[in-house]
Amino acid sequence: MPRTSPAPAHSARLVPLTEAAAHFHVSTKTLRRRIADGTITGYRVGRLIRVDLNELTQRLVVTIPSAHSV
C-alpha cells in the first residue's frame, strides 16, 4: 500500500513542479530531491505531482543574518 500524507490545509496553493521551480528560480530536479529527502511535501494528484507554494515559501526562503545583527 502506498504511503499517503494528509491533505493540505484550505489555504494551500498546489502547483505543478515546473511552476514552483520557475517561481523560486530552482530546477524541478531540486524540488524532486527535496520531496525525496522530506524537506518539502509533495502531493500526488492522479499521476501528477504538486507542491504547496505556501509551504515552499516557509521552507525554502530563509533570512540571511547580516554582520550587523550578530
Foldseek 3Di string as FASTA:
>chain_A
DDDDDDDDDPPFDWDALVVLCVVVVHDSVVVVVCCVVVLFPWDDDPNGIIGTSVSCCVRVDDDDDDPVVD
